[in-house]
């Protein structure tokens, strides 16, 4: 993740046709997001923009896919958003993973 003059730029690893829309955590330096939308005719891209706008608390017009329109790996620019807001998307998944880890005897 990097800051820009207008907001934040970050990578997303998209998993289309999932059973539910969810942030899955971090994968290879990118925010991994599962969406129910299929990767057909831009449906997954539109769903990704709407999902991010909703979870980052900004308008859809403030979220742009700047690279990777036809790839699962995308670069996103979110205007008017902070690094902390993007990091907060991953925090619940990390907390859930650490609470489910069991210690072996």
PDB file of N, CA and C in Angstrom:
ATOM      1  N   UNK A   1       0.839  -1.183   0.000  1.00  0.00           N
ATOM      2  CA  UNK A   1       0.000   0.000   0.000  1.00  0.00           C
ATOM      3  C   UNK A   1       0.876   1.236   0.000  1.00  0.00           C
ATOM      4  N   UNK A   2       0.468   2.187  -0.756  1.00  0.00           N
ATOM      5  CA  UNK A   2       1.156   3.465  -0.774  1.00  0.00           C
ATOM      6  C   UNK A   2       0.129   4.591  -0.751  1.00  0.00           C
ATOM      7  N   UNK A   3       0.564   5.715  -0.221  1.00  0.00           N
ATOM      8  CA  UNK A   3      -0.323   6.875  -0.237  1.00  0.00           C
ATOM      9  C   UNK A   3      -0.068   7.667  -1.509  1.00  0.00           C
ATOM     10  N   UNK A   4      -1.108   8.309  -1.980  1.00  0.00           N
ATOM     11  CA  UNK A   4      -1.013   9.211  -3.117  1.00  0.00           C
ATOM     12  C   UNK A   4      -1.479  10.581  -2.640  1.00  0.00           C
ATOM     13  N   UNK A   5      -1.422  11.547  -3.508  1.00  0.00           N
ATOM     14  CA  UNK A   5      -1.879  12.891  -3.148  1.00  0.00           C
ATOM     15  C   UNK A   5      -3.359  12.862  -2.769  1.00  0.00           C
ATOM     16  N   UNK A   6      -4.128  12.031  -3.473  1.00  0.00           N
ATOM     17  CA  UNK A   6      -5.570  12.012  -3.264  1.00  0.00           C
ATOM     18  C   UNK A   6      -6.080  10.905  -2.347  1.00  0.00           C
ATOM     19  N   UNK A   7      -5.239   9.907  -2.033  1.00  0.00           N
ATOM     20  CA  UNK A   7      -5.726   8.791  -1.226  1.00  0.00           C
ATOM     21  C   UNK A   7      -4.710   7.679  -1.090  1.00  0.00           C
ATOM     22  N   UNK A   8      -5.123   6.455  -1.469  1.00  0.00           N
ATOM     23  CA  UNK A   8      -4.302   5.264  -1.271  1.00  0.00           C
ATOM     24  C   UNK A   8      -4.297   4.412  -2.538  1.00  0.00           C
ATOM     25  N   UNK A   9      -3.161   3.780  -2.818  1.00  0.00           N
ATOM     26  CA  UNK A   9      -3.038   2.821  -3.916  1.00  0.00           C
ATOM     27  C   UNK A   9      -2.644   1.480  -3.294  1.00  0.00           C
ATOM     28  N   UNK A  10      -3.352   0.414  -3.673  1.00  0.00           N
ATOM     29  CA  UNK A  10      -3.060  -0.902  -3.118  1.00  0.00           C
ATOM     30  C   UNK A  10      -3.426  -1.995  -4.122  1.00  0.00           C
ATOM     31  N   UNK A  11      -2.897  -3.181  -3.864  1.00  0.00           N
ATOM     32  CA  UNK A  11      -3.124  -4.332  -4.723  1.00  0.00           C
ATOM     33  C   UNK A  11      -4.246  -5.191  -4.146  1.00  0.00           C
ATOM     34  N   UNK A  12      -5.026  -5.795  -5.043  1.00  0.00           N
ATOM     35  CA  UNK A  12      -6.090  -6.713  -4.653  1.00  0.00           C
ATOM     36  C   UNK A  12      -5.931  -8.000  -5.448  1.00  0.00           C
ATOM     37  N   UNK A  13      -6.048  -9.126  -4.770  1.00  0.00           N
ATOM     38  CA  UNK A  13      -6.112 -10.443  -5.409  1.00  0.00           C
ATOM     39  C   UNK A  13      -7.571 -10.857  -5.340  1.00  0.00           C
ATOM     40  N   UNK A  14      -8.229 -10.939  -6.492  1.00  0.00           N
ATOM     41  CA  UNK A  14      -9.666 -11.184  -6.540  1.00  0.00           C
ATOM     42  C   UNK A  14      -9.964 -12.667  -6.724  1.00  0.00           C
ATOM     43  N   UNK A  15     -10.956 -13.157  -5.993  1.00  0.00           N
ATOM     44  CA  UNK A  15     -11.443 -14.530  -6.133  1.00  0.00           C
ATOM     45  C   UNK A  15     -12.921 -14.452  -6.520  1.00  0.00           C
ATOM     46  N   UNK A  16     -13.220 -14.441  -7.825  1.00  0.00           N
ATOM     47  CA  UNK A  16     -14.616 -14.342  -8.268  1.00  0.00           C
ATOM     48  C   UNK A  16     -15.361 -15.667  -8.101  1.00  0.00           C
ATOM     49  N   UNK A  17     -16.673 -15.605  -8.229  1.00  0.00           N
ATOM     50  CA  UNK A  17     -17.554 -16.772  -8.114  1.00  0.00           C
ATOM     51  C   UNK A  17     -17.411 -17.499  -6.778  1.00  0.00           C
ATOM     52  N   UNK A  18     -17.226 -16.739  -5.729  1.00  0.00           N
ATOM     53  CA  UNK A  18     -17.125 -17.314  -4.384  1.00  0.00           C
ATOM     54  C   UNK A  18     -18.532 -17.540  -3.830  1.00  0.00           C
ATOM     55  N   UNK A  19     -18.614 -18.230  -2.718  1.00  0.00           N
ATOM     56  CA  UNK A  19     -19.922 -18.485  -2.110  1.00  0.00           C
ATOM     57  C   UNK A  19     -20.464 -17.260  -1.370  1.00  0.00           C
ATOM     58  N   UNK A  20     -19.556 -16.325  -1.010  1.00  0.00           N
ATOM     59  CA  UNK A  20     -19.984 -15.095  -0.334  1.00  0.00           C
ATOM     60  C   UNK A  20     -18.950 -14.005  -0.586  1.00  0.00           C
ATOM     61  N   UNK A  21     -19.366 -12.761  -0.405  1.00  0.00           N
ATOM     62  CA  UNK A  21     -18.458 -11.623  -0.524  1.00  0.00           C
ATOM     63  C   UNK A  21     -17.735 -11.456   0.802  1.00  0.00           C
ATOM     64  N   UNK A  22     -16.397 -11.429   0.761  1.00  0.00           N
ATOM     65  CA  UNK A  22     -15.646 -11.305   2.003  1.00  0.00           C
ATOM     66  C   UNK A  22     -14.202 -10.933   1.736  1.00  0.00           C
ATOM     67  N   UNK A  23     -13.593 -10.283   2.726  1.00  0.00           N
ATOM     68  CA  UNK A  23     -12.150 -10.050   2.719  1.00  0.00           C
ATOM     69  C   UNK A  23     -11.533 -11.301   3.335  1.00  0.00           C
ATOM     70  N   UNK A  24     -10.625 -11.947   2.606  1.00  0.00           N
ATOM     71  CA  UNK A  24     -10.029 -13.195   3.065  1.00  0.00           C
ATOM     72  C   UNK A  24      -8.696 -12.994   3.765  1.00  0.00           C
ATOM     73  N   UNK A  25      -8.169 -11.777   3.726  1.00  0.00           N
ATOM     74  CA  UNK A  25      -6.886 -11.497   4.361  1.00  0.00           C
ATOM     75  C   UNK A  25      -5.890 -10.969   3.364  1.00  0.00           C
ATOM     76  N   UNK A  26      -4.633 -11.303   3.606  1.00  0.00           N
ATOM     77  CA  UNK A  26      -3.568 -10.842   2.727  1.00  0.00           C
ATOM     78  C   UNK A  26      -2.981 -12.035   1.988  1.00  0.00           C
ATOM     79  N   UNK A  27      -2.685 -11.842   0.702  1.00  0.00           N
ATOM     80  CA  UNK A  27      -2.103 -12.903  -0.118  1.00  0.00           C
ATOM     81  C   UNK A  27      -1.015 -12.302  -0.993  1.00  0.00           C
ATOM     82  N   UNK A  28       0.208 -12.688  -0.741  1.00  0.00           N
ATOM     83  CA  UNK A  28       1.338 -12.258  -1.557  1.00  0.00           C
ATOM     84  C   UNK A  28       1.402 -10.732  -1.684  1.00  0.00           C
ATOM     85  N   UNK A  29       1.207 -10.036  -0.562  1.00  0.00           N
ATOM     86  CA  UNK A  29       1.294  -8.582  -0.540  1.00  0.00           C
ATOM     87  C   UNK A  29       0.062  -7.860  -1.032  1.00  0.00           C
ATOM     88  N   UNK A  30      -1.004  -8.594  -1.316  1.00  0.00           N
ATOM     89  CA  UNK A  30      -2.242  -7.984  -1.804  1.00  0.00           C
ATOM     90  C   UNK A  30      -3.389  -8.323  -0.859  1.00  0.00           C
ATOM     91  N   UNK A  31      -4.402  -7.490  -0.877  1.00  0.00           N
ATOM     92  CA  UNK A  31      -5.618  -7.723  -0.121  1.00  0.00           C
ATOM     93  C   UNK A  31      -6.436  -8.746  -0.903  1.00  0.00           C
ATOM     94  N   UNK A  32      -6.708  -9.915  -0.330  1.00  0.00           N
ATOM     95  CA  UNK A  32      -7.460 -10.946  -1.039  1.00  0.00           C
ATOM     96  C   UNK A  32      -8.935 -10.789  -0.721  1.00  0.00           C
ATOM     97  N   UNK A  33      -9.742 -10.667  -1.792  1.00  0.00           N
ATOM     98  CA  UNK A  33     -11.175 -10.447  -1.657  1.00  0.00           C
ATOM     99  C   UNK A  33     -11.930 -11.478  -2.486  1.00  0.00           C
ATOM    100  N   UNK A  34     -12.897 -12.128  -1.871  1.00  0.00           N
ATOM    101  CA  UNK A  34     -13.769 -13.073  -2.562  1.00  0.00           C
ATOM    102  C   UNK A  34     -15.087 -12.375  -2.870  1.00  0.00           C
ATOM    103  N   UNK A  35     -15.570 -12.556  -4.098  1.00  0.00           N
ATOM    104  CA  UNK A  35     -16.838 -11.965  -4.524  1.00  0.00           C
ATOM    105  C   UNK A  35     -17.687 -13.022  -5.213  1.00  0.00           C
ATOM    106  N   UNK A  36     -18.999 -12.931  -5.064  1.00  0.00           N
ATOM    107  CA  UNK A  36     -19.897 -13.884  -5.710  1.00  0.00           C
ATOM    108  C   UNK A  36     -20.044 -13.602  -7.199  1.00  0.00           C
ATOM    109  N   UNK A  37     -19.721 -12.415  -7.640  1.00  0.00           N
ATOM    110  CA  UNK A  37     -19.877 -12.033  -9.045  1.00  0.00           C
ATOM    111  C   UNK A  37     -18.952 -12.843  -9.949  1.00  0.00           C
ATOM    112  N   UNK A  38     -19.429 -13.197 -11.143  1.00  0.00           N
ATOM    113  CA  UNK A  38     -18.583 -13.921 -12.092  1.00  0.00           C
ATOM    114  C   UNK A  38     -17.662 -12.958 -12.834  1.00  0.00           C
ATOM    115  N   UNK A  39     -16.540 -13.462 -13.337  1.00  0.00           N
ATOM    116  CA  UNK A  39     -15.614 -12.596 -14.074  1.00  0.00           C
ATOM    117  C   UNK A  39     -16.024 -12.454 -15.547  1.00  0.00           C
ATOM    118  N   UNK A  40     -17.265 -12.045 -15.774  1.00  0.00           N
ATOM    119  CA  UNK A  40     -17.805 -11.947 -17.119  1.00  0.00           C
ATOM    120  C   UNK A  40     -18.302 -10.524 -17.363  1.00  0.00           C
ATOM    121  N   UNK A  41     -17.890  -9.947 -18.479  1.00  0.00           N
ATOM    122  CA  UNK A  41     -18.353  -8.625 -18.915  1.00  0.00           C
ATOM    123  C   UNK A  41     -18.225  -7.553 -17.830  1.00  0.00           C
ATOM    124  N   UNK A  42     -17.170  -7.611 -17.035  1.00  0.00           N
ATOM    125  CA  UNK A  42     -16.907  -6.582 -16.046  1.00  0.00           C
ATOM    126  C   UNK A  42     -17.726  -6.687 -14.772  1.00  0.00           C
ATOM    127  N   UNK A  43     -18.485  -7.765 -14.609  1.00  0.00           N
ATOM    128  CA  UNK A  43     -19.337  -7.904 -13.416  1.00  0.00           C
ATOM    129  C   UNK A  43     -18.507  -7.968 -12.139  1.00  0.00           C
ATOM    130  N   UNK A  44     -17.415  -8.714 -12.162  1.00  0.00           N
ATOM    131  CA  UNK A  44     -16.570  -8.828 -10.964  1.00  0.00           C
ATOM    132  C   UNK A  44     -15.890  -7.498 -10.653  1.00  0.00           C
ATOM    133  N   UNK A  45     -15.474  -6.765 -11.684  1.00  0.00           N
ATOM    134  CA  UNK A  45     -14.850  -5.456 -11.465  1.00  0.00           C
ATOM    135  C   UNK A  45     -15.842  -4.480 -10.836  1.00  0.00           C
ATOM    136  N   UNK A  46     -17.062  -4.461 -11.358  1.00  0.00           N
ATOM    137  CA  UNK A  46     -18.086  -3.566 -10.803  1.00  0.00           C
ATOM    138  C   UNK A  46     -18.410  -3.952  -9.364  1.00  0.00           C
ATOM    139  N   UNK A  47     -18.493  -5.254  -9.098  1.00  0.00           N
ATOM    140  CA  UNK A  47     -18.777  -5.716  -7.734  1.00  0.00           C
ATOM    141  C   UNK A  47     -17.631  -5.364  -6.798  1.00  0.00           C
ATOM    142  N   UNK A  48     -16.391  -5.460  -7.291  1.00  0.00           N
ATOM    143  CA  UNK A  48     -15.230  -5.113  -6.471  1.00  0.00           C
ATOM    144  C   UNK A  48     -15.248  -3.630  -6.103  1.00  0.00           C
ATOM    145  N   UNK A  49     -15.522  -2.777  -7.060  1.00  0.00           N
ATOM    146  CA  UNK A  49     -15.576  -1.332  -6.800  1.00  0.00           C
ATOM    147  C   UNK A  49     -16.666  -1.030  -5.773  1.00  0.00           C
ATOM    148  N   UNK A  50     -17.840  -1.632  -5.939  1.00  0.00           N
ATOM    149  CA  UNK A  50     -18.944  -1.401  -4.997  1.00  0.00           C
ATOM    150  C   UNK A  50     -18.594  -1.936  -3.602  1.00  0.00           C
ATOM    151  N   UNK A  51     -17.975  -3.114  -3.532  1.00  0.00           N
ATOM    152  CA  UNK A  51     -17.586  -3.717  -2.260  1.00  0.00           C
ATOM    153  C   UNK A  51     -16.579  -2.836  -1.530  1.00  0.00           C
ATOM    154  N   UNK A  52     -15.548  -2.385  -2.246  1.00  0.00           N
ATOM    155  CA  UNK A  52     -14.529  -1.547  -1.619  1.00  0.00           C
ATOM    156  C   UNK A  52     -15.096  -0.201  -1.182  1.00  0.00           C
ATOM    157  N   UNK A  53     -15.916   0.403  -2.021  1.00  0.00           N
ATOM    158  CA  UNK A  53     -16.510   1.694  -1.662  1.00  0.00           C
ATOM    159  C   UNK A  53     -17.349   1.561  -0.399  1.00  0.00           C
ATOM    160  N   UNK A  54     -18.120   0.497  -0.312  1.00  0.00           N
ATOM    161  CA  UNK A  54     -18.958   0.269   0.857  1.00  0.00           C
ATOM    162  C   UNK A  54     -18.112   0.065   2.118  1.00  0.00           C
ATOM    163  N   UNK A  55     -17.081  -0.746   2.023  1.00  0.00           N
ATOM    164  CA  UNK A  55     -16.266  -1.073   3.189  1.00  0.00           C
ATOM    165  C   UNK A  55     -15.261   0.028   3.565  1.00  0.00           C
ATOM    166  N   UNK A  56     -14.916   0.880   2.618  1.00  0.00           N
ATOM    167  CA  UNK A  56     -13.996   1.982   2.916  1.00  0.00           C
ATOM    168  C   UNK A  56     -14.732   3.273   3.245  1.00  0.00           C
ATOM    169  N   UNK A  57     -16.043   3.268   3.074  1.00  0.00           N
ATOM    170  CA  UNK A  57     -16.841   4.441   3.420  1.00  0.00           C
ATOM    171  C   UNK A  57     -16.682   5.596   2.454  1.00  0.00           C
ATOM    172  N   UNK A  58     -16.566   5.278   1.173  1.00  0.00           N
ATOM    173  CA  UNK A  58     -16.451   6.337   0.169  1.00  0.00           C
ATOM    174  C   UNK A  58     -17.414   6.034  -0.981  1.00  0.00           C
ATOM    175  N   UNK A  59     -17.507   6.948  -1.914  1.00  0.00           N
ATOM    176  CA  UNK A  59     -18.373   6.759  -3.076  1.00  0.00           C
ATOM    177  C   UNK A  59     -17.696   5.841  -4.094  1.00  0.00           C
ATOM    178  N   UNK A  60     -18.510   5.143  -4.902  1.00  0.00           N
ATOM    179  CA  UNK A  60     -17.955   4.259  -5.930  1.00  0.00           C
ATOM    180  C   UNK A  60     -17.073   5.029  -6.913  1.00  0.00           C
ATOM    181  N   UNK A  61     -17.413   6.291  -7.150  1.00  0.00           N
ATOM    182  CA  UNK A  61     -16.616   7.082  -8.092  1.00  0.00           C
ATOM    183  C   UNK A  61     -15.200   7.359  -7.567  1.00  0.00           C
ATOM    184  N   UNK A  62     -14.993   7.164  -6.263  1.00  0.00           N
ATOM    185  CA  UNK A  62     -13.683   7.396  -5.655  1.00  0.00           C
ATOM    186  C   UNK A  62     -12.787   6.158  -5.669  1.00  0.00           C
ATOM    187  N   UNK A  63     -13.312   5.036  -6.148  1.00  0.00           N
ATOM    188  CA  UNK A  63     -12.536   3.794  -6.228  1.00  0.00           C
ATOM    189  C   UNK A  63     -12.346   3.447  -7.701  1.00  0.00           C
ATOM    190  N   UNK A  64     -11.069   3.328  -8.112  1.00  0.00           N
ATOM    191  CA  UNK A  64     -10.763   3.026  -9.518  1.00  0.00           C
ATOM    192  C   UNK A  64      -9.822   1.836  -9.615  1.00  0.00           C
ATOM    193  N   UNK A  65     -10.046   1.017 -10.630  1.00  0.00           N
ATOM    194  CA  UNK A  65      -9.108  -0.048 -10.964  1.00  0.00           C
ATOM    195  C   UNK A  65      -8.150   0.565 -11.978  1.00  0.00           C
ATOM    196  N   UNK A  66      -6.888   0.745 -11.585  1.00  0.00           N
ATOM    197  CA  UNK A  66      -5.931   1.399 -12.474  1.00  0.00           C
ATOM    198  C   UNK A  66      -5.092   0.412 -13.276  1.00  0.00           C
ATOM    199  N   UNK A  67      -5.060  -0.841 -12.824  1.00  0.00           N
ATOM    200  CA  UNK A  67      -4.318  -1.864 -13.564  1.00  0.00           C
ATOM    201  C   UNK A  67      -4.925  -3.227 -13.258  1.00  0.00           C
ATOM    202  N   UNK A  68      -5.003  -4.084 -14.276  1.00  0.00           N
ATOM    203  CA  UNK A  68      -5.489  -5.438 -14.077  1.00  0.00           C
ATOM    204  C   UNK A  68      -6.967  -5.627 -14.331  1.00  0.00           C
ATOM    205  N   UNK A  69      -7.553  -4.856 -15.223  1.00  0.00           N
ATOM    206  CA  UNK A  69      -8.989  -4.962 -15.512  1.00  0.00           C
ATOM    207  C   UNK A  69      -9.401  -6.392 -15.865  1.00  0.00           C
ATOM    208  N   UNK A  70      -8.544  -7.125 -16.582  1.00  0.00           N
ATOM    209  CA  UNK A  70      -8.900  -8.482 -17.001  1.00  0.00           C
ATOM    210  C   UNK A  70      -8.104  -9.551 -16.251  1.00  0.00           C
ATOM    211  N   UNK A  71      -7.505  -9.173 -15.131  1.00  0.00           N
ATOM    212  CA  UNK A  71      -6.695 -10.083 -14.334  1.00  0.00           C
ATOM    213  C   UNK A  71      -7.291 -10.226 -12.944  1.00  0.00           C
ATOM    214  N   UNK A  72      -6.925 -11.286 -12.243  1.00  0.00           N
ATOM    215  CA  UNK A  72      -7.363 -11.429 -10.852  1.00  0.00           C
ATOM    216  C   UNK A  72      -6.578 -10.503  -9.937  1.00  0.00           C
ATOM    217  N   UNK A  73      -5.379 -10.134 -10.342  1.00  0.00           N
ATOM    218  CA  UNK A  73      -4.533  -9.214  -9.572  1.00  0.00           C
ATOM    219  C   UNK A  73      -4.776  -7.805 -10.111  1.00  0.00           C
ATOM    220  N   UNK A  74      -5.209  -6.912  -9.248  1.00  0.00           N
ATOM    221  CA  UNK A  74      -5.578  -5.559  -9.668  1.00  0.00           C
ATOM    222  C   UNK A  74      -4.904  -4.513  -8.786  1.00  0.00           C
ATOM    223  N   UNK A  75      -4.659  -3.357  -9.368  1.00  0.00           N
ATOM    224  CA  UNK A  75      -4.195  -2.203  -8.607  1.00  0.00           C
ATOM    225  C   UNK A  75      -5.382  -1.263  -8.459  1.00  0.00           C
ATOM    226  N   UNK A  76      -5.634  -0.869  -7.225  1.00  0.00           N
ATOM    227  CA  UNK A  76      -6.781  -0.025  -6.897  1.00  0.00           C
ATOM    228  C   UNK A  76      -6.288   1.317  -6.381  1.00  0.00           C
ATOM    229  N   UNK A  77      -6.936   2.388  -6.792  1.00  0.00           N
ATOM    230  CA  UNK A  77      -6.717   3.709  -6.214  1.00  0.00           C
ATOM    231  C   UNK A  77      -8.026   4.146  -5.574  1.00  0.00           C
ATOM    232  N   UNK A  78      -7.962   4.482  -4.299  1.00  0.00           N
ATOM    233  CA  UNK A  78      -9.134   4.948  -3.569  1.00  0.00           C
ATOM    234  C   UNK A  78      -8.870   6.379  -3.105  1.00  0.00           C
ATOM    235  N   UNK A  79      -9.646   7.311  -3.607  1.00  0.00           N
ATOM    236  CA  UNK A  79      -9.473   8.724  -3.270  1.00  0.00           C
ATOM    237  C   UNK A  79     -10.230   9.058  -1.993  1.00  0.00           C
ATOM    238  N   UNK A  80      -9.591   9.880  -1.159  1.00  0.00           N
ATOM    239  CA  UNK A  80     -10.216  10.294   0.088  1.00  0.00           C
ATOM    240  C   UNK A  80     -10.200   9.211   1.156  1.00  0.00           C
ATOM    241  N   UNK A  81      -9.320   8.224   0.995  1.00  0.00           N
ATOM    242  CA  UNK A  81      -9.229   7.096   1.928  1.00  0.00           C
ATOM    243  C   UNK A  81      -7.833   7.084   2.531  1.00  0.00           C
ATOM    244  N   UNK A  82      -7.719   6.642   3.771  1.00  0.00           N
ATOM    245  CA  UNK A  82      -6.422   6.578   4.442  1.00  0.00           C
ATOM    246  C   UNK A  82      -5.874   5.151   4.427  1.00  0.00           C
ATOM    247  N   UNK A  83      -4.575   5.040   4.687  1.00  0.00           N
ATOM    248  CA  UNK A  83      -3.945   3.725   4.818  1.00  0.00           C
ATOM    249  C   UNK A  83      -4.594   2.927   5.946  1.00  0.00           C
ATOM    250  N   UNK A  84      -4.956   3.606   7.010  1.00  0.00           N
ATOM    251  CA  UNK A  84      -5.565   2.950   8.155  1.00  0.00           C
ATOM    252  C   UNK A  84      -6.906   2.308   7.789  1.00  0.00           C
ATOM    253  N   UNK A  85      -7.673   2.976   6.926  1.00  0.00           N
ATOM    254  CA  UNK A  85      -8.967   2.437   6.507  1.00  0.00           C
ATOM    255  C   UNK A  85      -8.786   1.145   5.712  1.00  0.00           C
ATOM    256  N   UNK A  86      -7.788   1.103   4.847  1.00  0.00           N
ATOM    257  CA  UNK A  86      -7.520  -0.105   4.070  1.00  0.00           C
ATOM    258  C   UNK A  86      -6.989  -1.203   4.985  1.00  0.00           C
ATOM    259  N   UNK A  87      -6.085  -0.853   5.887  1.00  0.00           N
ATOM    260  CA  UNK A  87      -5.542  -1.836   6.834  1.00  0.00           C
ATOM    261  C   UNK A  87      -6.643  -2.408   7.723  1.00  0.00           C
ATOM    262  N   UNK A  88      -7.661  -1.612   8.032  1.00  0.00           N
ATOM    263  CA  UNK A  88      -8.765  -2.082   8.875  1.00  0.00           C
ATOM    264  C   UNK A  88      -9.579  -3.172   8.186  1.00  0.00           C
ATOM    265  N   UNK A  89      -9.533  -3.243   6.857  1.00  0.00           N
ATOM    266  CA  UNK A  89     -10.234  -4.309   6.145  1.00  0.00           C
ATOM    267  C   UNK A  89      -9.629  -5.673   6.468  1.00  0.00           C
ATOM    268  N   UNK A  90      -8.313  -5.702   6.661  1.00  0.00           N
ATOM    269  CA  UNK A  90      -7.605  -6.949   6.911  1.00  0.00           C
ATOM    270  C   UNK A  90      -7.638  -7.317   8.393  1.00  0.00           C
ATOM    271  N   UNK A  91      -7.727  -6.349   9.277  1.00  0.00           N
ATOM    272  CA  UNK A  91      -7.636  -6.587  10.722  1.00  0.00           C
ATOM    273  C   UNK A  91      -8.615  -7.642  11.240  1.00  0.00           C
ATOM    274  N   UNK A  92      -9.900  -7.625  10.872  1.00  0.00           N
ATOM    275  CA  UNK A  92     -10.806  -8.660  11.390  1.00  0.00           C
ATOM    276  C   UNK A  92     -10.417 -10.068  10.947  1.00  0.00           C
ATOM    277  N   UNK A  93      -9.880 -10.221   9.752  1.00  0.00           N
ATOM    278  CA  UNK A  93      -9.498 -11.550   9.279  1.00  0.00           C
ATOM    279  C   UNK A  93      -8.272 -12.055  10.028  1.00  0.00           C
ATOM    280  N   UNK A  94      -7.358 -11.154  10.364  1.00  0.00           N
ATOM    281  CA  UNK A  94      -6.169 -11.541  11.127  1.00  0.00           C
ATOM    282  C   UNK A  94      -6.565 -11.917  12.552  1.00  0.00           C
ATOM    283  N   UNK A  95      -7.458 -11.141  13.152  1.00  0.00           N
ATOM    284  CA  UNK A  95      -7.911 -11.429  14.516  1.00  0.00           C
ATOM    285  C   UNK A  95      -8.641 -12.762  14.564  1.00  0.00           C
ATOM    286  N   UNK A  96      -9.460 -13.038  13.558  1.00  0.00           N
ATOM    287  CA  UNK A  96     -10.178 -14.308  13.501  1.00  0.00           C
ATOM    288  C   UNK A  96      -9.246 -15.484  13.320  1.00  0.00           C
ATOM    289  N   UNK A  97      -8.199 -15.308  12.525  1.00  0.00           N
ATOM    290  CA  UNK A  97      -7.243 -16.391  12.289  1.00  0.00           C
ATOM    291  C   UNK A  97      -6.434 -16.682  13.538  1.00  0.00           C
ATOM    292  N   UNK A  98      -6.040 -15.649  14.259  1.00  0.00           N
ATOM    293  CA  UNK A  98      -5.220 -15.876  15.448  1.00  0.00           C
ATOM    294  C   UNK A  98      -6.025 -16.504  16.582  1.00  0.00           C
ATOM    295  N   UNK A  99      -7.323 -16.224  16.641  1.00  0.00           N
ATOM    296  CA  UNK A  99      -8.140 -16.808  17.698  1.00  0.00           C
ATOM    297  C   UNK A  99      -8.463 -18.275  17.412  1.00  0.00           C
ATOM    298  N   UNK A 100      -8.365 -18.679  16.144  1.00  0.00           N
ATOM    299  CA  UNK A 100      -8.681 -20.055  15.804  1.00  0.00           C
ATOM    300  C   UNK A 100      -7.458 -20.960  15.822  1.00  0.00           C
ATOM    301  N   UNK A 101      -6.288 -20.400  16.064  1.00  0.00           N
ATOM    302  CA  UNK A 101      -5.064 -21.191  16.130  1.00  0.00           C
ATOM    303  C   UNK A 101      -5.005 -21.878  17.481  1.00  0.00           C
ATOM    304  N   UNK A 102      -4.783 -23.191  17.456  1.00  0.00           N
ATOM    305  CA  UNK A 102      -4.703 -23.942  18.707  1.00  0.00           C
ATOM    306  C   UNK A 102      -3.265 -24.299  19.003  1.00  0.00           C
ATOM    307  N   UNK A 103      -2.950 -24.301  20.256  1.00  0.00           N
ATOM    308  CA  UNK A 103      -1.601 -24.700  20.682  1.00  0.00           C
ATOM    309  C   UNK A 103      -1.561 -26.203  20.839  1.00  0.00           C
ATOM    310  N   UNK A 104      -0.495 -26.798  20.340  1.00  0.00           N
ATOM    311  CA  UNK A 104      -0.318 -28.239  20.489  1.00  0.00           C
ATOM    312  C   UNK A 104       0.466 -28.536  21.750  1.00  0.00           C
ATOM    313  N   UNK A 105       0.131 -29.627  22.370  1.00  0.00           N
ATOM    314  CA  UNK A 105       0.820 -30.043  23.593  1.00  0.00           C
ATOM    315  C   UNK A 105       1.927 -30.996  23.273  1.00  0.00           C
TER     316      UNK A 105
END
